[in-house]
Amino acid sequence: MAASHNNSMGPILLGLVFLGLMLPHTAKVFRSYERTVSVKGLCEKEVKADKVIWPLVYKVVGNDMDVVYKAIEGEKSSIIEFLNKGGIKAEEISVSLPSVSDKFSENYVDVNRVYRYVASCTITVCSQDVDKVLAVMNRQNELLAKGIVLSTEWDSKPQFTFEGLNEIKPQMIEEATKNARAAADKFAKDSDSKLGKIKTANQGQFSITDRDSNTPQEKKVRVVTSIEYYLKK
């Protein structure tokens, strides 16, 4: 019975000895796969806006509603004529209903108020020909010469957007990834290592901002990729 027990223990002991010999090598291999470096790759590109929305807001005041209405229509016709002259097409122009307030019907009436009715009107240009619209914007003094004053408040500021992001995305991601790999390569050389396979990768978010506050039609597109590489000896 004892001999049988000793015979069965032999393979187990040999297995334990073999496992003990293999553990250092296994641990070394495991540790080598856990050596990593995390890097970021940046890509920035300047582009021109490919769409503009330009609200032309004007106000008309008066004490007679008929007179106010005629003034609204008169200035609307002059503004649309001005836009057409600058090459703005009819389908690029939309006209909103005027917003008219009766100041004498409000709870608080300013006794010094001169005009009873105040009408706010908006004509909006929406175009993908940004250069054409910019050229028309630079000729707004022609409206001033006709006595038409456009609002300069925040809600009348032109909005420039870039909608061609999908066309440049692949190229920018490729460039950002190359920049990340270059940084990882340098780190590997500095640490006397070699760069291995990618462990994790995150494309990151694209951002589109104005290049500066004075030229909102010029945009800066930016993306940062985050990549983690394995390092090996």
Protein backbone atom coordinates (compact mmCIF):
# COMPACT_ATOMS: atom_id res chain seq x y z
CA MET A 1 0.00 0.00 0.00
CA ALA A 2 2.87 2.34 0.87
CA ALA A 3 4.66 1.52 -2.37
CA SER A 4 1.54 2.43 -4.35
CA HIS A 5 1.28 5.76 -2.52
CA ASN A 6 4.92 6.62 -3.24
CA ASN A 7 4.47 5.76 -6.92
CA SER A 8 1.52 8.18 -7.23
CA MET A 9 3.45 10.99 -5.55
CA GLY A 10 6.31 10.78 -8.02
CA PRO A 11 4.59 12.49 -11.00
CA ILE A 12 3.12 15.13 -8.70
CA LEU A 13 6.53 16.00 -7.28
CA LEU A 14 8.04 16.17 -10.77
CA GLY A 15 5.21 18.47 -11.85
CA LEU A 16 5.76 20.78 -8.90
CA VAL A 17 9.50 20.92 -9.60
CA PHE A 18 8.85 21.72 -13.28
CA LEU A 19 6.32 24.40 -12.32
CA GLY A 20 8.80 25.91 -9.92
CA LEU A 21 11.43 26.08 -12.66
CA MET A 22 8.97 27.67 -15.11
CA LEU A 23 7.54 30.30 -12.75
CA PRO A 24 10.44 32.81 -13.05
CA HIS A 25 10.32 32.61 -16.85
CA THR A 26 6.53 32.97 -16.90
CA ALA A 27 6.66 35.93 -14.56
CA LYS A 28 9.34 37.56 -16.70
CA VAL A 29 7.24 37.16 -19.84
CA PHE A 30 4.16 38.49 -18.03
CA ARG A 31 6.05 41.52 -16.75
CA SER A 32 7.41 42.25 -20.22
CA TYR A 33 3.87 42.49 -21.56
CA GLU A 34 2.90 44.85 -18.78
CA ARG A 35 5.57 47.40 -19.66
CA THR A 36 3.68 50.08 -21.55
CA VAL A 37 3.91 53.72 -22.56
CA SER A 38 0.94 56.07 -23.03
CA VAL A 39 1.30 58.90 -25.53
CA LYS A 40 -0.89 61.55 -27.17
CA GLY A 41 -0.81 62.61 -30.78
CA LEU A 42 -2.03 66.06 -31.83
CA CYS A 43 -3.19 67.22 -35.23
CA GLU A 44 -4.40 70.74 -35.99
CA LYS A 45 -5.64 72.11 -39.29
CA GLU A 46 -6.85 75.54 -40.37
CA VAL A 47 -9.85 75.57 -42.69
CA LYS A 48 -12.25 78.13 -44.10
CA ALA A 49 -15.88 78.13 -42.98
CA ASP A 50 -18.13 76.57 -45.61
CA LYS A 51 -21.44 77.99 -44.38
CA VAL A 52 -22.62 81.34 -43.06
CA ILE A 53 -25.88 82.42 -41.44
CA TRP A 54 -26.22 86.20 -41.40
CA PRO A 55 -29.26 87.76 -39.69
CA LEU A 56 -29.89 91.33 -40.80
CA VAL A 57 -31.96 92.87 -38.01
CA TYR A 58 -33.52 96.31 -38.36
CA LYS A 59 -36.01 98.27 -36.27
CA VAL A 60 -38.80 100.61 -37.23
CA VAL A 61 -40.55 102.99 -34.82
CA GLY A 62 -43.61 105.23 -35.11
CA ASN A 63 -46.95 106.27 -33.65
CA ASP A 64 -49.12 105.23 -36.59
CA MET A 65 -49.34 101.51 -37.34
CA ASP A 66 -49.94 102.07 -41.05
CA VAL A 67 -46.84 104.24 -41.30
CA VAL A 68 -44.80 101.67 -39.36
CA TYR A 69 -45.99 98.87 -41.64
CA LYS A 70 -45.08 100.83 -44.79
CA ALA A 71 -41.64 101.56 -43.33
CA ILE A 72 -41.14 97.85 -42.55
CA GLU A 73 -41.99 96.89 -46.14
CA GLY A 74 -39.91 99.71 -47.60
CA GLU A 75 -36.75 98.80 -45.68
CA LYS A 76 -37.31 95.10 -46.38
CA SER A 77 -37.42 95.79 -50.12
CA SER A 78 -34.28 97.93 -49.93
CA ILE A 79 -32.35 95.26 -48.00
CA ILE A 80 -33.40 92.43 -50.34
CA GLU A 81 -32.46 94.60 -53.35
CA PHE A 82 -29.08 95.25 -51.72
CA LEU A 83 -28.54 91.52 -51.17
CA ASN A 84 -29.59 90.61 -54.73
CA LYS A 85 -27.21 93.21 -56.07
CA GLY A 86 -24.41 91.46 -54.18
CA GLY A 87 -25.21 88.13 -55.79
CA ILE A 88 -27.26 86.65 -52.93
CA LYS A 89 -29.87 84.35 -54.46
CA ALA A 90 -33.54 84.38 -53.51
CA GLU A 91 -33.34 80.84 -52.09
CA GLU A 92 -30.56 82.02 -49.75
CA ILE A 93 -32.81 84.70 -48.22
CA SER A 94 -35.59 84.18 -45.69
CA VAL A 95 -37.81 86.84 -44.11
CA SER A 96 -39.28 86.48 -40.63
CA LEU A 97 -42.52 88.06 -39.50
CA PRO A 98 -41.89 91.37 -37.74
CA SER A 99 -42.22 91.53 -33.97
CA VAL A 100 -44.22 94.64 -33.04
CA SER A 101 -44.71 95.92 -29.51
CA ASP A 102 -47.11 98.62 -28.32
CA LYS A 103 -45.22 100.48 -25.62
CA PHE A 104 -48.32 102.35 -24.48
CA SER A 105 -50.06 99.09 -23.56
CA GLU A 106 -47.33 97.95 -21.17
CA ASN A 107 -47.81 98.05 -17.40
CA TYR A 108 -45.02 100.57 -17.04
CA VAL A 109 -45.14 103.43 -19.51
CA ASP A 110 -42.21 105.81 -19.84
CA VAL A 111 -43.73 109.28 -20.03
CA ASN A 112 -40.69 110.43 -22.00
CA ARG A 113 -41.20 107.82 -24.69
CA VAL A 114 -41.59 109.40 -28.11
CA TYR A 115 -42.81 106.46 -30.20
CA ARG A 116 -45.65 104.09 -29.42
CA TYR A 117 -44.81 101.21 -31.77
CA VAL A 118 -41.45 99.46 -32.08
CA ALA A 119 -41.07 96.81 -34.76
CA SER A 120 -38.11 94.45 -34.96
CA CYS A 121 -37.58 92.72 -38.29
CA THR A 122 -35.11 90.04 -39.40
CA ILE A 123 -33.96 89.03 -42.87
CA THR A 124 -31.66 86.02 -42.77
CA VAL A 125 -29.07 85.00 -45.32
CA CYS A 126 -27.99 81.34 -45.27
CA SER A 127 -25.34 80.51 -47.84
CA GLN A 128 -22.45 78.15 -48.53
CA ASP A 129 -20.69 80.83 -50.58
CA VAL A 130 -18.93 82.46 -47.64
CA ASP A 131 -16.69 84.73 -49.71
CA LYS A 132 -19.69 86.18 -51.55
CA VAL A 133 -21.51 86.96 -48.30
CA LEU A 134 -18.38 88.52 -46.79
CA ALA A 135 -18.11 90.82 -49.80
CA VAL A 136 -21.72 91.94 -49.27
CA MET A 137 -21.09 92.51 -45.56
CA ASN A 138 -18.27 94.89 -46.45
CA ARG A 139 -20.71 97.06 -48.41
CA GLN A 140 -23.22 97.69 -45.61
CA ASN A 141 -22.51 101.42 -45.82
CA GLU A 142 -24.77 101.42 -48.88
CA LEU A 143 -27.67 100.67 -46.55
CA LEU A 144 -26.59 103.42 -44.16
CA ALA A 145 -26.70 105.84 -47.08
CA LYS A 146 -30.39 104.95 -47.43
CA GLY A 147 -31.04 105.51 -43.72
CA ILE A 148 -31.21 101.80 -42.87
CA VAL A 149 -29.33 100.94 -39.69
CA LEU A 150 -28.73 97.27 -38.97
CA SER A 151 -28.55 96.03 -35.39
CA THR A 152 -25.13 95.08 -34.01
CA GLU A 153 -26.42 93.23 -30.95
CA TRP A 154 -25.32 89.67 -30.14
CA ASP A 155 -28.35 88.05 -31.78
CA SER A 156 -27.52 89.71 -35.11
CA LYS A 157 -23.93 88.48 -35.35
CA PRO A 158 -23.18 86.28 -38.39
CA GLN A 159 -22.46 82.63 -37.63
CA PHE A 160 -19.74 80.86 -39.59
CA THR A 161 -19.57 77.07 -39.48
CA PHE A 162 -17.47 74.30 -41.01
CA GLU A 163 -19.45 71.25 -42.08
CA GLY A 164 -16.81 69.36 -44.06
CA LEU A 165 -15.34 67.58 -41.05
CA ASN A 166 -16.03 64.08 -42.35
CA GLU A 167 -13.89 64.77 -45.42
CA ILE A 168 -10.76 65.62 -43.42
CA LYS A 169 -11.27 63.27 -40.46
CA PRO A 170 -9.33 60.26 -41.83
CA GLN A 171 -6.28 62.32 -42.79
CA MET A 172 -6.21 64.10 -39.42
CA ILE A 173 -6.58 60.87 -37.44
CA GLU A 174 -3.74 59.33 -39.47
CA GLU A 175 -1.48 62.31 -38.81
CA ALA A 176 -2.33 62.38 -35.09
CA THR A 177 -1.59 58.65 -34.86
CA LYS A 178 1.79 59.13 -36.59
CA ASN A 179 2.66 61.90 -34.15
CA ALA A 180 1.71 59.66 -31.23
CA ARG A 181 3.87 56.82 -32.56
CA ALA A 182 6.82 59.18 -33.05
CA ALA A 183 6.57 60.23 -29.40
CA ALA A 184 6.30 56.59 -28.30
CA ASP A 185 9.32 55.63 -30.44
CA LYS A 186 11.43 58.32 -28.81
CA PHE A 187 10.40 57.21 -25.35
CA ALA A 188 11.23 53.60 -26.21
CA LYS A 189 14.71 54.52 -27.46
CA ASP A 190 15.37 56.72 -24.43
CA SER A 191 14.41 53.83 -22.13
CA ASP A 192 16.49 51.29 -24.11
CA SER A 193 13.34 49.46 -25.21
CA LYS A 194 11.54 48.60 -28.40
CA LEU A 195 8.02 49.60 -29.27
CA GLY A 196 5.51 46.75 -29.30
CA LYS A 197 1.89 46.46 -30.37
CA ILE A 198 -0.90 48.85 -29.43
CA LYS A 199 -2.59 47.97 -26.15
CA THR A 200 -5.35 50.59 -26.23
CA ALA A 201 -6.24 53.46 -28.53
CA ASN A 202 -8.66 56.36 -28.18
CA GLN A 203 -9.38 58.57 -31.18
CA GLY A 204 -10.43 61.52 -29.03
CA GLN A 205 -12.91 64.28 -29.80
CA PHE A 206 -12.69 66.70 -32.70
CA SER A 207 -13.09 70.38 -31.85
CA ILE A 208 -13.79 73.27 -34.24
CA THR A 209 -13.10 76.79 -32.98
CA ASP A 210 -12.57 80.24 -34.45
CA ARG A 211 -8.93 80.82 -35.30
CA ASP A 212 -9.25 84.20 -33.59
CA SER A 213 -11.97 86.63 -32.53
CA ASN A 214 -11.50 88.94 -35.53
CA THR A 215 -11.90 86.38 -38.31
CA PRO A 216 -14.66 83.90 -37.33
CA GLN A 217 -14.75 82.67 -40.93
CA GLU A 218 -11.33 81.05 -40.35
CA LYS A 219 -11.62 77.86 -38.30
CA LYS A 220 -9.16 75.66 -36.42
CA VAL A 221 -9.90 71.94 -36.34
CA ARG A 222 -8.15 69.94 -33.62
CA VAL A 223 -7.99 66.29 -32.57
CA VAL A 224 -5.90 64.48 -29.96
CA THR A 225 -5.47 60.71 -30.04
CA SER A 226 -4.42 58.72 -26.96
CA ILE A 227 -2.54 55.48 -27.58
CA GLU A 228 -0.93 52.99 -25.21
CA TYR A 229 1.87 50.78 -26.59
CA TYR A 230 3.56 47.72 -25.16
CA LEU A 231 7.32 48.02 -24.58
CA LYS A 232 9.73 45.15 -25.04
CA LYS A 233 13.43 44.65 -24.54
